[in-house]
Amino acid sequence: MHSTLIVARMRPADAESVAGLFDAFDRTEMPQLMGTRRRQLFSYRGLYFHLQDFDDAEGGQRIEDAKSDPRFVRISDDLKPFIEAYDPATWRSPADAMARRFYTWGE
């Protein structure tokens, strides 16, 4: 399984709104088109963590391919009032907000 973790900023009070947007998005066929197997959202002291699991490393490319889909564009726009870049000075795309895995363990 391949995972990505996006780190951003979010007011804790906005968690329910963000979850609702993803709930509606995940009820479409978009997760399957992107190869998303599981999505988990976390918050901690004003930080937002978006963990996505994929069957394989192709998930990142599938997300790139899906970026022009109107549903992807819509959720990206709908999230803007709630999610802020962790470092606005360096953010150009979600790839700039992805955490770098430096250790993993599994059986």
PDB file of N, CA and C in Angstrom:
ATOM      1  N   MET A   1       0.854  -1.177   0.000  1.00  0.00           N
ATOM      2  CA  MET A   1       0.000   0.000   0.000  1.00  0.00           C
ATOM      3  C   MET A   1       0.898   1.238   0.000  1.00  0.00           C
ATOM      4  N   HIS A   2       0.476   2.235  -0.723  1.00  0.00           N
ATOM      5  CA  HIS A   2       1.182   3.518  -0.801  1.00  0.00           C
ATOM      6  C   HIS A   2       0.320   4.572  -0.110  1.00  0.00           C
ATOM      7  N   SER A   3       0.947   5.464   0.644  1.00  0.00           N
ATOM      8  CA  SER A   3       0.206   6.508   1.364  1.00  0.00           C
ATOM      9  C   SER A   3       0.801   7.869   1.080  1.00  0.00           C
ATOM     10  N   THR A   4      -0.051   8.886   1.130  1.00  0.00           N
ATOM     11  CA  THR A   4       0.405  10.274   1.101  1.00  0.00           C
ATOM     12  C   THR A   4      -0.209  10.984   2.295  1.00  0.00           C
ATOM     13  N   LEU A   5       0.528  11.962   2.819  1.00  0.00           N
ATOM     14  CA  LEU A   5       0.047  12.741   3.955  1.00  0.00           C
ATOM     15  C   LEU A   5       0.237  14.214   3.639  1.00  0.00           C
ATOM     16  N   ILE A   6      -0.868  14.931   3.545  1.00  0.00           N
ATOM     17  CA  ILE A   6      -0.835  16.372   3.297  1.00  0.00           C
ATOM     18  C   ILE A   6      -1.001  17.079   4.637  1.00  0.00           C
ATOM     19  N   VAL A   7      -0.158  18.071   4.872  1.00  0.00           N
ATOM     20  CA  VAL A   7      -0.195  18.854   6.110  1.00  0.00           C
ATOM     21  C   VAL A   7      -0.553  20.294   5.753  1.00  0.00           C
ATOM     22  N   ALA A   8      -1.530  20.843   6.446  1.00  0.00           N
ATOM     23  CA  ALA A   8      -1.958  22.227   6.202  1.00  0.00           C
ATOM     24  C   ALA A   8      -2.455  22.803   7.529  1.00  0.00           C
ATOM     25  N   ARG A   9      -3.098  23.945   7.433  1.00  0.00           N
ATOM     26  CA  ARG A   9      -3.666  24.588   8.627  1.00  0.00           C
ATOM     27  C   ARG A   9      -5.190  24.623   8.498  1.00  0.00           C
ATOM     28  N   MET A  10      -5.860  24.425   9.629  1.00  0.00           N
ATOM     29  CA  MET A  10      -7.318  24.429   9.658  1.00  0.00           C
ATOM     30  C   MET A  10      -7.775  24.806  11.064  1.00  0.00           C
ATOM     31  N   ARG A  11      -8.769  25.667  11.143  1.00  0.00           N
ATOM     32  CA  ARG A  11      -9.359  25.979  12.444  1.00  0.00           C
ATOM     33  C   ARG A  11     -10.121  24.739  12.933  1.00  0.00           C
ATOM     34  N   PRO A  12      -9.948  24.352  14.187  1.00  0.00           N
ATOM     35  CA  PRO A  12     -10.649  23.163  14.696  1.00  0.00           C
ATOM     36  C   PRO A  12     -12.162  23.222  14.480  1.00  0.00           C
ATOM     37  N   ALA A  13     -12.738  24.400  14.545  1.00  0.00           N
ATOM     38  CA  ALA A  13     -14.183  24.541  14.364  1.00  0.00           C
ATOM     39  C   ALA A  13     -14.641  24.174  12.951  1.00  0.00           C
ATOM     40  N   ASP A  14     -13.716  24.118  11.990  1.00  0.00           N
ATOM     41  CA  ASP A  14     -14.080  23.821  10.610  1.00  0.00           C
ATOM     42  C   ASP A  14     -14.028  22.336  10.268  1.00  0.00           C
ATOM     43  N   ALA A  15     -13.658  21.498  11.223  1.00  0.00           N
ATOM     44  CA  ALA A  15     -13.493  20.063  10.950  1.00  0.00           C
ATOM     45  C   ALA A  15     -14.774  19.434  10.411  1.00  0.00           C
ATOM     46  N   GLU A  16     -15.901  19.768  10.982  1.00  0.00           N
ATOM     47  CA  GLU A  16     -17.165  19.181  10.537  1.00  0.00           C
ATOM     48  C   GLU A  16     -17.490  19.581   9.099  1.00  0.00           C
ATOM     49  N   SER A  17     -17.242  20.827   8.746  1.00  0.00           N
ATOM     50  CA  SER A  17     -17.500  21.280   7.374  1.00  0.00           C
ATOM     51  C   SER A  17     -16.592  20.563   6.381  1.00  0.00           C
ATOM     52  N   VAL A  18     -15.324  20.418   6.733  1.00  0.00           N
ATOM     53  CA  VAL A  18     -14.365  19.737   5.860  1.00  0.00           C
ATOM     54  C   VAL A  18     -14.754  18.268   5.706  1.00  0.00           C
ATOM     55  N   ALA A  19     -15.118  17.631   6.807  1.00  0.00           N
ATOM     56  CA  ALA A  19     -15.545  16.230   6.741  1.00  0.00           C
ATOM     57  C   ALA A  19     -16.770  16.077   5.851  1.00  0.00           C
ATOM     58  N   GLY A  20     -17.695  17.011   5.927  1.00  0.00           N
ATOM     59  CA  GLY A  20     -18.888  16.956   5.079  1.00  0.00           C
ATOM     60  C   GLY A  20     -18.556  17.071   3.603  1.00  0.00           C
ATOM     61  N   LEU A  21     -17.608  17.942   3.265  1.00  0.00           N
ATOM     62  CA  LEU A  21     -17.201  18.075   1.867  1.00  0.00           C
ATOM     63  C   LEU A  21     -16.587  16.780   1.352  1.00  0.00           C
ATOM     64  N   PHE A  22     -15.726  16.176   2.154  1.00  0.00           N
ATOM     65  CA  PHE A  22     -15.116  14.916   1.727  1.00  0.00           C
ATOM     66  C   PHE A  22     -16.116  13.773   1.717  1.00  0.00           C
ATOM     67  N   ASP A  23     -17.070  13.782   2.625  1.00  0.00           N
ATOM     68  CA  ASP A  23     -18.096  12.746   2.618  1.00  0.00           C
ATOM     69  C   ASP A  23     -18.856  12.762   1.294  1.00  0.00           C
ATOM     70  N   ALA A  24     -19.248  13.944   0.847  1.00  0.00           N
ATOM     71  CA  ALA A  24     -19.958  14.056  -0.430  1.00  0.00           C
ATOM     72  C   ALA A  24     -19.049  13.650  -1.596  1.00  0.00           C
ATOM     73  N   PHE A  25     -17.801  14.082  -1.573  1.00  0.00           N
ATOM     74  CA  PHE A  25     -16.841  13.756  -2.634  1.00  0.00           C
ATOM     75  C   PHE A  25     -16.598  12.245  -2.691  1.00  0.00           C
ATOM     76  N   ASP A  26     -16.445  11.623  -1.532  1.00  0.00           N
ATOM     77  CA  ASP A  26     -16.132  10.197  -1.497  1.00  0.00           C
ATOM     78  C   ASP A  26     -17.318   9.304  -1.842  1.00  0.00           C
ATOM     79  N   ARG A  27     -18.498   9.880  -1.912  1.00  0.00           N
ATOM     80  CA  ARG A  27     -19.679   9.123  -2.341  1.00  0.00           C
ATOM     81  C   ARG A  27     -19.777   9.053  -3.869  1.00  0.00           C
ATOM     82  N   THR A  28     -18.927   9.807  -4.560  1.00  0.00           N
ATOM     83  CA  THR A  28     -18.883   9.744  -6.018  1.00  0.00           C
ATOM     84  C   THR A  28     -17.884   8.661  -6.426  1.00  0.00           C
ATOM     85  N   GLU A  29     -17.677   8.501  -7.709  1.00  0.00           N
ATOM     86  CA  GLU A  29     -16.695   7.522  -8.181  1.00  0.00           C
ATOM     87  C   GLU A  29     -15.273   8.082  -8.192  1.00  0.00           C
ATOM     88  N   MET A  30     -15.088   9.318  -7.723  1.00  0.00           N
ATOM     89  CA  MET A  30     -13.762   9.931  -7.746  1.00  0.00           C
ATOM     90  C   MET A  30     -12.709   9.142  -6.966  1.00  0.00           C
ATOM     91  N   PRO A  31     -12.984   8.637  -5.768  1.00  0.00           N
ATOM     92  CA  PRO A  31     -11.933   7.865  -5.094  1.00  0.00           C
ATOM     93  C   PRO A  31     -11.442   6.681  -5.931  1.00  0.00           C
ATOM     94  N   GLN A  32     -12.364   5.996  -6.591  1.00  0.00           N
ATOM     95  CA  GLN A  32     -11.960   4.867  -7.427  1.00  0.00           C
ATOM     96  C   GLN A  32     -11.135   5.335  -8.627  1.00  0.00           C
ATOM     97  N   LEU A  33     -11.531   6.454  -9.227  1.00  0.00           N
ATOM     98  CA  LEU A  33     -10.772   6.987 -10.371  1.00  0.00           C
ATOM     99  C   LEU A  33      -9.358   7.376  -9.959  1.00  0.00           C
ATOM    100  N   MET A  34      -9.200   7.864  -8.735  1.00  0.00           N
ATOM    101  CA  MET A  34      -7.895   8.293  -8.253  1.00  0.00           C
ATOM    102  C   MET A  34      -7.113   7.138  -7.626  1.00  0.00           C
ATOM    103  N   GLY A  35      -7.763   5.991  -7.449  1.00  0.00           N
ATOM    104  CA  GLY A  35      -7.093   4.861  -6.826  1.00  0.00           C
ATOM    105  C   GLY A  35      -7.028   4.952  -5.312  1.00  0.00           C
ATOM    106  N   THR A  36      -7.860   5.811  -4.724  1.00  0.00           N
ATOM    107  CA  THR A  36      -7.868   5.968  -3.272  1.00  0.00           C
ATOM    108  C   THR A  36      -8.561   4.771  -2.631  1.00  0.00           C
ATOM    109  N   ARG A  37      -7.870   4.145  -1.735  1.00  0.00           N
ATOM    110  CA  ARG A  37      -8.431   3.003  -1.014  1.00  0.00           C
ATOM    111  C   ARG A  37      -9.036   3.452   0.312  1.00  0.00           C
ATOM    112  N   ARG A  38      -8.385   4.413   0.962  1.00  0.00           N
ATOM    113  CA  ARG A  38      -8.867   4.915   2.244  1.00  0.00           C
ATOM    114  C   ARG A  38      -8.402   6.354   2.413  1.00  0.00           C
ATOM    115  N   ARG A  39      -9.259   7.180   3.030  1.00  0.00           N
ATOM    116  CA  ARG A  39      -8.920   8.570   3.353  1.00  0.00           C
ATOM    117  C   ARG A  39      -9.194   8.776   4.836  1.00  0.00           C
ATOM    118  N   GLN A  40      -8.255   9.415   5.512  1.00  0.00           N
ATOM    119  CA  GLN A  40      -8.449   9.767   6.914  1.00  0.00           C
ATOM    120  C   GLN A  40      -8.031  11.223   7.097  1.00  0.00           C
ATOM    121  N   LEU A  41      -8.838  11.960   7.832  1.00  0.00           N
ATOM    122  CA  LEU A  41      -8.542  13.357   8.129  1.00  0.00           C
ATOM    123  C   LEU A  41      -8.310  13.489   9.632  1.00  0.00           C
ATOM    124  N   PHE A  42      -7.268  14.241   9.978  1.00  0.00           N
ATOM    125  CA  PHE A  42      -6.923  14.458  11.375  1.00  0.00           C
ATOM    126  C   PHE A  42      -6.718  15.950  11.601  1.00  0.00           C
ATOM    127  N   SER A  43      -6.940  16.382  12.831  1.00  0.00           N
ATOM    128  CA  SER A  43      -6.585  17.752  13.193  1.00  0.00           C
ATOM    129  C   SER A  43      -5.864  17.712  14.536  1.00  0.00           C
ATOM    130  N   TYR A  44      -4.964  18.673  14.685  1.00  0.00           N
ATOM    131  CA  TYR A  44      -4.221  18.783  15.936  1.00  0.00           C
ATOM    132  C   TYR A  44      -3.741  20.219  16.073  1.00  0.00           C
ATOM    133  N   ARG A  45      -4.276  20.925  17.066  1.00  0.00           N
ATOM    134  CA  ARG A  45      -3.841  22.289  17.391  1.00  0.00           C
ATOM    135  C   ARG A  45      -3.701  23.195  16.167  1.00  0.00           C
ATOM    136  N   GLY A  46      -4.734  23.239  15.386  1.00  0.00           N
ATOM    137  CA  GLY A  46      -4.739  24.127  14.226  1.00  0.00           C
ATOM    138  C   GLY A  46      -4.081  23.555  12.984  1.00  0.00           C
ATOM    139  N   LEU A  47      -3.630  22.309  13.060  1.00  0.00           N
ATOM    140  CA  LEU A  47      -3.055  21.657  11.891  1.00  0.00           C
ATOM    141  C   LEU A  47      -4.046  20.653  11.330  1.00  0.00           C
ATOM    142  N   TYR A  48      -3.958  20.423  10.052  1.00  0.00           N
ATOM    143  CA  TYR A  48      -4.821  19.513   9.297  1.00  0.00           C
ATOM    144  C   TYR A  48      -3.928  18.469   8.657  1.00  0.00           C
ATOM    145  N   PHE A  49      -4.306  17.210   8.812  1.00  0.00           N
ATOM    146  CA  PHE A  49      -3.563  16.102   8.226  1.00  0.00           C
ATOM    147  C   PHE A  49      -4.528  15.284   7.372  1.00  0.00           C
ATOM    148  N   HIS A  50      -4.174  15.101   6.131  1.00  0.00           N
ATOM    149  CA  HIS A  50      -5.018  14.381   5.176  1.00  0.00           C
ATOM    150  C   HIS A  50      -4.218  13.171   4.696  1.00  0.00           C
ATOM    151  N   LEU A  51      -4.580  12.002   5.209  1.00  0.00           N
ATOM    152  CA  LEU A  51      -3.890  10.761   4.883  1.00  0.00           C
ATOM    153  C   LEU A  51      -4.708   9.999   3.857  1.00  0.00           C
ATOM    154  N   GLN A  52      -4.068   9.674   2.726  1.00  0.00           N
ATOM    155  CA  GLN A  52      -4.719   8.875   1.689  1.00  0.00           C
ATOM    156  C   GLN A  52      -3.901   7.621   1.460  1.00  0.00           C
ATOM    157  N   ASP A  53      -4.581   6.491   1.384  1.00  0.00           N
ATOM    158  CA  ASP A  53      -3.933   5.219   1.100  1.00  0.00           C
ATOM    159  C   ASP A  53      -4.359   4.743  -0.284  1.00  0.00           C
ATOM    160  N   PHE A  54      -3.391   4.213  -0.997  1.00  0.00           N
ATOM    161  CA  PHE A  54      -3.593   3.695  -2.350  1.00  0.00           C
ATOM    162  C   PHE A  54      -3.084   2.264  -2.419  1.00  0.00           C
ATOM    163  N   ASP A  55      -3.584   1.503  -3.362  1.00  0.00           N
ATOM    164  CA  ASP A  55      -3.098   0.135  -3.537  1.00  0.00           C
ATOM    165  C   ASP A  55      -1.639   0.109  -3.972  1.00  0.00           C
ATOM    166  N   ASP A  56      -1.234   1.122  -4.735  1.00  0.00           N
ATOM    167  CA  ASP A  56       0.137   1.137  -5.248  1.00  0.00           C
ATOM    168  C   ASP A  56       0.608   2.581  -5.419  1.00  0.00           C
ATOM    169  N   ALA A  57       1.834   2.748  -5.837  1.00  0.00           N
ATOM    170  CA  ALA A  57       2.434   4.082  -5.983  1.00  0.00           C
ATOM    171  C   ALA A  57       1.841   4.878  -7.134  1.00  0.00           C
ATOM    172  N   GLU A  58       0.987   4.282  -7.926  1.00  0.00           N
ATOM    173  CA  GLU A  58       0.359   5.001  -9.042  1.00  0.00           C
ATOM    174  C   GLU A  58      -0.693   6.003  -8.568  1.00  0.00           C
ATOM    175  N   GLY A  59      -1.071   5.972  -7.293  1.00  0.00           N
ATOM    176  CA  GLY A  59      -2.093   6.882  -6.774  1.00  0.00           C
ATOM    177  C   GLY A  59      -1.751   8.336  -6.996  1.00  0.00           C
ATOM    178  N   GLY A  60      -0.491   8.691  -6.804  1.00  0.00           N
ATOM    179  CA  GLY A  60      -0.092  10.079  -7.013  1.00  0.00           C
ATOM    180  C   GLY A  60      -0.313  10.532  -8.441  1.00  0.00           C
ATOM    181  N   GLN A  61      -0.017   9.668  -9.401  1.00  0.00           N
ATOM    182  CA  GLN A  61      -0.235  10.008 -10.811  1.00  0.00           C
ATOM    183  C   GLN A  61      -1.720  10.077 -11.125  1.00  0.00           C
ATOM    184  N   ARG A  62      -2.514   9.196 -10.528  1.00  0.00           N
ATOM    185  CA  ARG A  62      -3.958   9.220 -10.764  1.00  0.00           C
ATOM    186  C   ARG A  62      -4.577  10.512 -10.242  1.00  0.00           C
ATOM    187  N   ILE A  63      -4.067  10.993  -9.115  1.00  0.00           N
ATOM    188  CA  ILE A  63      -4.563  12.278  -8.595  1.00  0.00           C
ATOM    189  C   ILE A  63      -4.208  13.390  -9.574  1.00  0.00           C
ATOM    190  N   GLU A  64      -2.990  13.388 -10.076  1.00  0.00           N
ATOM    191  CA  GLU A  64      -2.589  14.392 -11.074  1.00  0.00           C
ATOM    192  C   GLU A  64      -3.527  14.348 -12.274  1.00  0.00           C
ATOM    193  N   ASP A  65      -3.853  13.143 -12.732  1.00  0.00           N
ATOM    194  CA  ASP A  65      -4.746  12.980 -13.886  1.00  0.00           C
ATOM    195  C   ASP A  65      -6.160  13.463 -13.584  1.00  0.00           C
ATOM    196  N   ALA A  66      -6.583  13.368 -12.324  1.00  0.00           N
ATOM    197  CA  ALA A  66      -7.950  13.737 -11.942  1.00  0.00           C
ATOM    198  C   ALA A  66      -8.118  15.232 -11.685  1.00  0.00           C
ATOM    199  N   LYS A  67      -7.034  15.977 -11.613  1.00  0.00           N
ATOM    200  CA  LYS A  67      -7.116  17.394 -11.234  1.00  0.00           C
ATOM    201  C   LYS A  67      -7.999  18.236 -12.145  1.00  0.00           C
ATOM    202  N   SER A  68      -8.186  17.819 -13.382  1.00  0.00           N
ATOM    203  CA  SER A  68      -9.027  18.600 -14.288  1.00  0.00           C
ATOM    204  C   SER A  68     -10.496  18.177 -14.231  1.00  0.00           C
ATOM    205  N   ASP A  69     -10.805  17.118 -13.521  1.00  0.00           N
ATOM    206  CA  ASP A  69     -12.194  16.666 -13.389  1.00  0.00           C
ATOM    207  C   ASP A  69     -12.976  17.741 -12.621  1.00  0.00           C
ATOM    208  N   PRO A  70     -14.160  18.103 -13.083  1.00  0.00           N
ATOM    209  CA  PRO A  70     -14.935  19.157 -12.404  1.00  0.00           C
ATOM    210  C   PRO A  70     -15.209  18.867 -10.929  1.00  0.00           C
ATOM    211  N   ARG A  71     -15.347  17.611 -10.557  1.00  0.00           N
ATOM    212  CA  ARG A  71     -15.587  17.272  -9.148  1.00  0.00           C
ATOM    213  C   ARG A  71     -14.345  17.535  -8.307  1.00  0.00           C
ATOM    214  N   PHE A  72     -13.183  17.291  -8.862  1.00  0.00           N
ATOM    215  CA  PHE A  72     -11.940  17.567  -8.153  1.00  0.00           C
ATOM    216  C   PHE A  72     -11.749  19.075  -8.012  1.00  0.00           C
ATOM    217  N   VAL A  73     -12.004  19.789  -9.101  1.00  0.00           N
ATOM    218  CA  VAL A  73     -11.895  21.250  -9.077  1.00  0.00           C
ATOM    219  C   VAL A  73     -12.861  21.827  -8.045  1.00  0.00           C
ATOM    220  N   ARG A  74     -14.076  21.292  -8.007  1.00  0.00           N
ATOM    221  CA  ARG A  74     -15.094  21.798  -7.085  1.00  0.00           C
ATOM    222  C   ARG A  74     -14.683  21.588  -5.630  1.00  0.00           C
ATOM    223  N   ILE A  75     -14.230  20.373  -5.274  1.00  0.00           N
ATOM    224  CA  ILE A  75     -13.864  20.172  -3.863  1.00  0.00           C
ATOM    225  C   ILE A  75     -12.647  21.016  -3.501  1.00  0.00           C
ATOM    226  N   SER A  76     -11.734  21.185  -4.429  1.00  0.00           N
ATOM    227  CA  SER A  76     -10.573  22.044  -4.154  1.00  0.00           C
ATOM    228  C   SER A  76     -11.019  23.468  -3.851  1.00  0.00           C
ATOM    229  N   ASP A  77     -11.946  23.977  -4.649  1.00  0.00           N
ATOM    230  CA  ASP A  77     -12.471  25.323  -4.416  1.00  0.00           C
ATOM    231  C   ASP A  77     -13.275  25.404  -3.117  1.00  0.00           C
ATOM    232  N   ASP A  78     -14.094  24.373  -2.856  1.00  0.00           N
ATOM    233  CA  ASP A  78     -14.934  24.363  -1.655  1.00  0.00           C
ATOM    234  C   ASP A  78     -14.097  24.296  -0.371  1.00  0.00           C
ATOM    235  N   LEU A  79     -12.906  23.707  -0.450  1.00  0.00           N
ATOM    236  CA  LEU A  79     -12.049  23.594   0.734  1.00  0.00           C
ATOM    237  C   LEU A  79     -11.276  24.874   1.036  1.00  0.00           C
ATOM    238  N   LYS A  80     -11.149  25.761   0.065  1.00  0.00           N
ATOM    239  CA  LYS A  80     -10.320  26.964   0.244  1.00  0.00           C
ATOM    240  C   LYS A  80     -10.681  27.804   1.461  1.00  0.00           C
ATOM    241  N   PRO A  81     -11.968  27.974   1.803  1.00  0.00           N
ATOM    242  CA  PRO A  81     -12.267  28.775   2.998  1.00  0.00           C
ATOM    243  C   PRO A  81     -11.835  28.114   4.313  1.00  0.00           C
ATOM    244  N   PHE A  82     -11.563  26.801   4.270  1.00  0.00           N
ATOM    245  CA  PHE A  82     -11.289  26.052   5.493  1.00  0.00           C
ATOM    246  C   PHE A  82      -9.837  25.612   5.654  1.00  0.00           C
ATOM    247  N   ILE A  83      -9.158  25.361   4.554  1.00  0.00           N
ATOM    248  CA  ILE A  83      -7.809  24.803   4.601  1.00  0.00           C
ATOM    249  C   ILE A  83      -6.826  25.845   4.075  1.00  0.00           C
ATOM    250  N   GLU A  84      -5.801  26.126   4.870  1.00  0.00           N
ATOM    251  CA  GLU A  84      -4.760  27.081   4.476  1.00  0.00           C
ATOM    252  C   GLU A  84      -3.440  26.337   4.314  1.00  0.00           C
ATOM    253  N   ALA A  85      -2.620  26.782   3.395  1.00  0.00           N
ATOM    254  CA  ALA A  85      -1.305  26.184   3.221  1.00  0.00           C
ATOM    255  C   ALA A  85      -0.511  26.296   4.515  1.00  0.00           C
ATOM    256  N   TYR A  86       0.250  25.281   4.822  1.00  0.00           N
ATOM    257  CA  TYR A  86       1.104  25.327   6.007  1.00  0.00           C
ATOM    258  C   TYR A  86       2.111  26.462   5.881  1.00  0.00           C
ATOM    259  N   ASP A  87       2.700  26.586   4.694  1.00  0.00           N
ATOM    260  CA  ASP A  87       3.653  27.662   4.418  1.00  0.00           C
ATOM    261  C   ASP A  87       3.241  28.345   3.117  1.00  0.00           C
ATOM    262  N   PRO A  88       2.410  29.388   3.195  1.00  0.00           N
ATOM    263  CA  PRO A  88       1.911  30.045   1.979  1.00  0.00           C
ATOM    264  C   PRO A  88       3.014  30.561   1.057  1.00  0.00           C
ATOM    265  N   ALA A  89       4.177  30.866   1.600  1.00  0.00           N
ATOM    266  CA  ALA A  89       5.264  31.406   0.781  1.00  0.00           C
ATOM    267  C   ALA A  89       5.827  30.373  -0.190  1.00  0.00           C
ATOM    268  N   THR A  90       5.706  29.085   0.143  1.00  0.00           N
ATOM    269  CA  THR A  90       6.292  28.062  -0.712  1.00  0.00           C
ATOM    270  C   THR A  90       5.253  27.177  -1.389  1.00  0.00           C
ATOM    271  N   TRP A  91       3.971  27.349  -1.083  1.00  0.00           N
ATOM    272  CA  TRP A  91       2.944  26.456  -1.609  1.00  0.00           C
ATOM    273  C   TRP A  91       2.581  26.824  -3.038  1.00  0.00           C
ATOM    274  N   ARG A  92       2.646  25.833  -3.917  1.00  0.00           N
ATOM    275  CA  ARG A  92       2.200  25.972  -5.296  1.00  0.00           C
ATOM    276  C   ARG A  92       1.166  24.912  -5.653  1.00  0.00           C
ATOM    277  N   SER A  93       1.248  23.739  -5.000  1.00  0.00           N
ATOM    278  CA  SER A  93       0.318  22.639  -5.251  1.00  0.00           C
ATOM    279  C   SER A  93       0.302  21.737  -4.026  1.00  0.00           C
ATOM    280  N   PRO A  94      -0.647  20.800  -3.947  1.00  0.00           N
ATOM    281  CA  PRO A  94      -0.670  19.889  -2.800  1.00  0.00           C
ATOM    282  C   PRO A  94       0.656  19.142  -2.596  1.00  0.00           C
ATOM    283  N   ALA A  95       1.407  18.941  -3.651  1.00  0.00           N
ATOM    284  CA  ALA A  95       2.699  18.264  -3.521  1.00  0.00           C
ATOM    285  C   ALA A  95       3.633  19.034  -2.584  1.00  0.00           C
ATOM    286  N   ASP A  96       3.474  20.348  -2.518  1.00  0.00           N
ATOM    287  CA  ASP A  96       4.311  21.167  -1.635  1.00  0.00           C
ATOM    288  C   ASP A  96       3.921  21.025  -0.162  1.00  0.00           C
ATOM    289  N   ALA A  97       2.799  20.368   0.101  1.00  0.00           N
ATOM    290  CA  ALA A  97       2.329  20.200   1.467  1.00  0.00           C
ATOM    291  C   ALA A  97       2.438  18.750   1.932  1.00  0.00           C
ATOM    292  N   MET A  98       3.033  17.884   1.113  1.00  0.00           N
ATOM    293  CA  MET A  98       3.115  16.476   1.473  1.00  0.00           C
ATOM    294  C   MET A  98       4.287  16.206   2.401  1.00  0.00           C
ATOM    295  N   ALA A  99       3.957  15.521   3.474  1.00  0.00           N
ATOM    296  CA  ALA A  99       4.996  15.116   4.422  1.00  0.00           C
ATOM    297  C   ALA A  99       5.889  14.065   3.772  1.00  0.00           C
ATOM    298  N   ARG A 100       7.130  14.038   4.203  1.00  0.00           N
ATOM    299  CA  ARG A 100       8.095  13.065   3.682  1.00  0.00           C
ATOM    300  C   ARG A 100       8.207  11.928   4.682  1.00  0.00           C
ATOM    301  N   ARG A 101       7.918  10.722   4.210  1.00  0.00           N
ATOM    302  CA  ARG A 101       8.058   9.547   5.077  1.00  0.00           C
ATOM    303  C   ARG A 101       9.531   9.265   5.298  1.00  0.00           C
ATOM    304  N   PHE A 102       9.926   9.091   6.550  1.00  0.00           N
ATOM    305  CA  PHE A 102      11.325   8.791   6.815  1.00  0.00           C
ATOM    306  C   PHE A 102      11.513   7.492   7.586  1.00  0.00           C
ATOM    307  N   TYR A 103      10.415   6.807   7.938  1.00  0.00           N
ATOM    308  CA  TYR A 103      10.500   5.502   8.569  1.00  0.00           C
ATOM    309  C   TYR A 103       9.182   4.792   8.401  1.00  0.00           C
ATOM    310  N   THR A 104       9.231   3.496   8.197  1.00  0.00           N
ATOM    311  CA  THR A 104       8.012   2.686   8.147  1.00  0.00           C
ATOM    312  C   THR A 104       8.321   1.297   8.682  1.00  0.00           C
ATOM    313  N   TRP A 105       7.328   0.685   9.248  1.00  0.00           N
ATOM    314  CA  TRP A 105       7.445  -0.678   9.727  1.00  0.00           C
ATOM    315  C   TRP A 105       6.135  -1.377   9.464  1.00  0.00           C
ATOM    316  N   GLY A 106       6.175  -2.625   9.131  1.00  0.00           N
ATOM    317  CA  GLY A 106       4.964  -3.394   8.933  1.00  0.00           C
ATOM    318  C   GLY A 106       5.290  -4.872   8.812  1.00  0.00           C
ATOM    319  N   GLU A 107       4.304  -5.672   9.067  1.00  0.00           N
ATOM    320  CA  GLU A 107       4.472  -7.117   8.929  1.00  0.00           C
ATOM    321  C   GLU A 107       3.924  -7.570   7.613  1.00  0.00           C
TER     322      GLU A 107
END
